[in-house]
Amino acid sequence: MLTFLTRKERFNAAHRMYRQDLTEAENFELFGKCANPNYHGHNYELFVTVKGEVNDDRPYIIDLKLLKVIINELIIDKLDHMNLNLDVDFMAGKMASTELLCIEIFKQLKGPLEAYEGVILHSVRLAETENNSAECFG
């Protein structure tokens, strides 16, 4: 039977929404306070959902300890207490929006998770605040 399993992790990171081709005033008009040149931060919540078949011979999709290690090594260790615009290799040259960060996290996790037999990365959801989140499906 196809089953879904979700792991939740948290990290704190700073970012700034801006386009280099615009002036400070144009960036502020477009992105508001999120264009602050001194950056701003969020307490993000990350939800990683995998799916797969489970049965008596295979009672789980992936060992939860292993899932935690993969997420922490590939994502949390790279993002926690970092500046998304300056410190994160997989965000280099990209706008540090929640949507694009969510997509890039999905890309980072897909191959390593799906290297395990029967594991399919279903989705990544990234909550920037309690009211705003983005979700990427594979």
C-alpha atoms as a PDB file:
ATOM      1  CA  MET A   1       0.000   0.000   0.000  1.00  0.00           C
ATOM      2  CA  LEU A   2       1.350   3.451  -0.919  1.00  0.00           C
ATOM      3  CA  THR A   3       2.150   5.390   2.241  1.00  0.00           C
ATOM      4  CA  PHE A   4       3.457   8.892   2.922  1.00  0.00           C
ATOM      5  CA  LEU A   5       5.918   9.775   5.682  1.00  0.00           C
ATOM      6  CA  THR A   6       6.823  13.332   6.726  1.00  0.00           C
ATOM      7  CA  ARG A   7       9.791  14.577   8.740  1.00  0.00           C
ATOM      8  CA  LYS A   8       9.776  18.102  10.214  1.00  0.00           C
ATOM      9  CA  GLU A   9      12.962  20.063  10.851  1.00  0.00           C
ATOM     10  CA  ARG A  10      13.643  23.692  11.755  1.00  0.00           C
ATOM     11  CA  PHE A  11      16.315  26.229  10.892  1.00  0.00           C
ATOM     12  CA  ASN A  12      16.927  29.950  11.227  1.00  0.00           C
ATOM     13  CA  ALA A  13      18.272  31.965   8.330  1.00  0.00           C
ATOM     14  CA  ALA A  14      18.547  35.519   7.060  1.00  0.00           C
ATOM     15  CA  HIS A  15      17.893  36.774   3.562  1.00  0.00           C
ATOM     16  CA  ARG A  16      17.161  39.827   1.488  1.00  0.00           C
ATOM     17  CA  MET A  17      14.825  40.140  -1.447  1.00  0.00           C
ATOM     18  CA  TYR A  18      16.393  42.349  -4.087  1.00  0.00           C
ATOM     19  CA  ARG A  19      17.387  42.531  -7.708  1.00  0.00           C
ATOM     20  CA  GLN A  20      20.838  43.837  -8.570  1.00  0.00           C
ATOM     21  CA  ASP A  21      19.519  45.479 -11.726  1.00  0.00           C
ATOM     22  CA  LEU A  22      17.264  47.780  -9.671  1.00  0.00           C
ATOM     23  CA  THR A  23      18.034  50.764  -7.449  1.00  0.00           C
ATOM     24  CA  GLU A  24      17.525  50.583  -3.690  1.00  0.00           C
ATOM     25  CA  ALA A  25      14.327  52.636  -4.092  1.00  0.00           C
ATOM     26  CA  GLU A  26      12.999  50.323  -6.836  1.00  0.00           C
ATOM     27  CA  ASN A  27      13.809  47.258  -4.729  1.00  0.00           C
ATOM     28  CA  PHE A  28      12.018  48.750  -1.740  1.00  0.00           C
ATOM     29  CA  GLU A  29       8.998  49.557  -3.894  1.00  0.00           C
ATOM     30  CA  LEU A  30       8.941  46.007  -5.271  1.00  0.00           C
ATOM     31  CA  PHE A  31       9.804  44.003  -2.126  1.00  0.00           C
ATOM     32  CA  GLY A  32       9.009  46.383   0.745  1.00  0.00           C
ATOM     33  CA  LYS A  33      10.773  45.708   4.058  1.00  0.00           C
ATOM     34  CA  CYS A  34      12.106  42.434   2.652  1.00  0.00           C
ATOM     35  CA  ALA A  35      14.561  44.533   0.588  1.00  0.00           C
ATOM     36  CA  ASN A  36      16.270  45.829   3.743  1.00  0.00           C
ATOM     37  CA  PRO A  37      19.982  46.100   2.851  1.00  0.00           C
ATOM     38  CA  ASN A  38      20.851  44.710   6.312  1.00  0.00           C
ATOM     39  CA  TYR A  39      18.786  41.552   5.663  1.00  0.00           C
ATOM     40  CA  HIS A  40      16.089  40.036   7.886  1.00  0.00           C
ATOM     41  CA  GLY A  41      15.529  36.573   9.263  1.00  0.00           C
ATOM     42  CA  HIS A  42      12.978  33.820   9.687  1.00  0.00           C
ATOM     43  CA  ASN A  43      12.494  30.745  11.830  1.00  0.00           C
ATOM     44  CA  TYR A  44      11.746  28.292   9.033  1.00  0.00           C
ATOM     45  CA  GLU A  45       9.955  24.970   9.383  1.00  0.00           C
ATOM     46  CA  LEU A  46      10.813  22.341   6.789  1.00  0.00           C
ATOM     47  CA  PHE A  47       8.544  19.376   6.038  1.00  0.00           C
ATOM     48  CA  VAL A  48       9.990  16.609   3.873  1.00  0.00           C
ATOM     49  CA  THR A  49       7.518  13.967   2.692  1.00  0.00           C
ATOM     50  CA  VAL A  50       8.577  10.694   1.128  1.00  0.00           C
ATOM     51  CA  LYS A  51       6.322   7.983  -0.231  1.00  0.00           C
ATOM     52  CA  GLY A  52       6.634   4.300  -0.909  1.00  0.00           C
ATOM     53  CA  GLU A  53       5.078   0.881  -0.566  1.00  0.00           C
ATOM     54  CA  VAL A  54       4.925  -0.719   2.867  1.00  0.00           C
ATOM     55  CA  ASN A  55       3.937  -4.243   3.853  1.00  0.00           C
ATOM     56  CA  ASP A  56       4.826  -6.953   6.369  1.00  0.00           C
ATOM     57  CA  ASP A  57       8.198  -7.558   4.701  1.00  0.00           C
ATOM     58  CA  ARG A  58       8.970  -3.841   4.426  1.00  0.00           C
ATOM     59  CA  PRO A  59       7.206  -2.152   7.359  1.00  0.00           C
ATOM     60  CA  TYR A  60       8.547   1.353   6.726  1.00  0.00           C
ATOM     61  CA  ILE A  61       9.482   3.559   3.759  1.00  0.00           C
ATOM     62  CA  ILE A  62      12.813   4.703   5.226  1.00  0.00           C
ATOM     63  CA  ASP A  63      14.350   4.530   8.675  1.00  0.00           C
ATOM     64  CA  LEU A  64      13.429   7.826  10.369  1.00  0.00           C
ATOM     65  CA  LYS A  65      16.910   8.171  11.873  1.00  0.00           C
ATOM     66  CA  LEU A  66      18.390   7.917   8.379  1.00  0.00           C
ATOM     67  CA  LEU A  67      15.875  10.433   6.999  1.00  0.00           C
ATOM     68  CA  LYS A  68      16.854  12.857   9.776  1.00  0.00           C
ATOM     69  CA  VAL A  69      20.576  12.431   9.040  1.00  0.00           C
ATOM     70  CA  ILE A  70      20.086  13.035   5.295  1.00  0.00           C
ATOM     71  CA  ILE A  71      17.983  16.168   5.831  1.00  0.00           C
ATOM     72  CA  ASN A  72      20.377  17.544   8.430  1.00  0.00           C
ATOM     73  CA  GLU A  73      23.568  16.878   6.466  1.00  0.00           C
ATOM     74  CA  LEU A  74      22.271  18.122   3.111  1.00  0.00           C
ATOM     75  CA  ILE A  75      19.999  20.962   4.204  1.00  0.00           C
ATOM     76  CA  ILE A  76      19.911  22.034   7.841  1.00  0.00           C
ATOM     77  CA  ASP A  77      23.685  22.131   8.342  1.00  0.00           C
ATOM     78  CA  LYS A  78      23.992  24.338   5.238  1.00  0.00           C
ATOM     79  CA  LEU A  79      21.103  26.696   6.081  1.00  0.00           C
ATOM     80  CA  ASP A  80      20.869  27.058   9.852  1.00  0.00           C
ATOM     81  CA  HIS A  81      22.098  30.449  11.077  1.00  0.00           C
ATOM     82  CA  MET A  82      23.264  31.350   7.571  1.00  0.00           C
ATOM     83  CA  ASN A  83      22.578  34.157   5.142  1.00  0.00           C
ATOM     84  CA  LEU A  84      20.716  32.617   2.194  1.00  0.00           C
ATOM     85  CA  ASN A  85      22.024  35.288  -0.179  1.00  0.00           C
ATOM     86  CA  LEU A  86      25.674  34.977   0.822  1.00  0.00           C
ATOM     87  CA  ASP A  87      26.430  31.643   2.489  1.00  0.00           C
ATOM     88  CA  VAL A  88      24.467  28.882   0.759  1.00  0.00           C
ATOM     89  CA  ASP A  89      26.087  27.263  -2.285  1.00  0.00           C
ATOM     90  CA  PHE A  90      22.876  25.947  -3.829  1.00  0.00           C
ATOM     91  CA  MET A  91      21.252  29.405  -3.627  1.00  0.00           C
ATOM     92  CA  ALA A  92      24.115  31.240  -5.341  1.00  0.00           C
ATOM     93  CA  GLY A  93      22.800  33.610  -7.996  1.00  0.00           C
ATOM     94  CA  LYS A  94      19.144  32.948  -7.086  1.00  0.00           C
ATOM     95  CA  MET A  95      16.560  35.160  -5.451  1.00  0.00           C
ATOM     96  CA  ALA A  96      16.214  33.991  -1.846  1.00  0.00           C
ATOM     97  CA  SER A  97      12.415  33.677  -1.930  1.00  0.00           C
ATOM     98  CA  THR A  98      10.691  30.955   0.035  1.00  0.00           C
ATOM     99  CA  GLU A  99       9.437  29.424  -3.218  1.00  0.00           C
ATOM    100  CA  LEU A 100      12.874  29.196  -4.842  1.00  0.00           C
ATOM    101  CA  LEU A 101      14.466  27.974  -1.612  1.00  0.00           C
ATOM    102  CA  CYS A 102      11.816  25.252  -1.410  1.00  0.00           C
ATOM    103  CA  ILE A 103      12.559  24.152  -4.990  1.00  0.00           C
ATOM    104  CA  GLU A 104      16.309  24.100  -4.366  1.00  0.00           C
ATOM    105  CA  ILE A 105      15.879  22.067  -1.173  1.00  0.00           C
ATOM    106  CA  PHE A 106      13.787  19.575  -3.156  1.00  0.00           C
ATOM    107  CA  LYS A 107      16.558  19.311  -5.763  1.00  0.00           C
ATOM    108  CA  GLN A 108      19.190  18.725  -3.067  1.00  0.00           C
ATOM    109  CA  LEU A 109      17.198  15.909  -1.456  1.00  0.00           C
ATOM    110  CA  LYS A 110      15.733  14.087  -4.463  1.00  0.00           C
ATOM    111  CA  GLY A 111      18.756  12.074  -5.602  1.00  0.00           C
ATOM    112  CA  PRO A 112      20.118  11.134  -2.188  1.00  0.00           C
ATOM    113  CA  LEU A 113      16.713  10.042  -0.863  1.00  0.00           C
ATOM    114  CA  GLU A 114      15.708   8.161  -3.991  1.00  0.00           C
ATOM    115  CA  ALA A 115      19.010   6.273  -3.923  1.00  0.00           C
ATOM    116  CA  TYR A 116      17.330   4.122  -1.269  1.00  0.00           C
ATOM    117  CA  GLU A 117      15.211   1.351  -2.742  1.00  0.00           C
ATOM    118  CA  GLY A 118      11.510   2.147  -2.758  1.00  0.00           C
ATOM    119  CA  VAL A 119      11.854   5.739  -1.528  1.00  0.00           C
ATOM    120  CA  ILE A 120      10.290   8.529  -3.606  1.00  0.00           C
ATOM    121  CA  LEU A 121      10.532  12.185  -2.568  1.00  0.00           C
ATOM    122  CA  HIS A 122       6.923  13.356  -2.720  1.00  0.00           C
ATOM    123  CA  SER A 123       7.149  16.952  -1.520  1.00  0.00           C
ATOM    124  CA  VAL A 124       9.019  19.616   0.367  1.00  0.00           C
ATOM    125  CA  ARG A 125       7.066  22.261   2.248  1.00  0.00           C
ATOM    126  CA  LEU A 126       8.849  25.273   3.677  1.00  0.00           C
ATOM    127  CA  ALA A 127       7.055  27.548   6.144  1.00  0.00           C
ATOM    128  CA  GLU A 128       8.621  31.001   6.398  1.00  0.00           C
ATOM    129  CA  THR A 129       6.068  32.161   8.983  1.00  0.00           C
ATOM    130  CA  GLU A 130       3.029  30.556  10.557  1.00  0.00           C
ATOM    131  CA  ASN A 131       0.968  32.157   7.783  1.00  0.00           C
ATOM    132  CA  ASN A 132       3.209  31.710   4.723  1.00  0.00           C
ATOM    133  CA  SER A 133       4.646  28.576   3.185  1.00  0.00           C
ATOM    134  CA  ALA A 134       5.655  27.158  -0.181  1.00  0.00           C
ATOM    135  CA  GLU A 135       5.421  23.542  -1.316  1.00  0.00           C
ATOM    136  CA  CYS A 136       7.181  21.742  -4.125  1.00  0.00           C
ATOM    137  CA  PHE A 137       6.059  18.362  -5.485  1.00  0.00           C
ATOM    138  CA  GLY A 138       8.122  15.914  -7.470  1.00  0.00           C
END
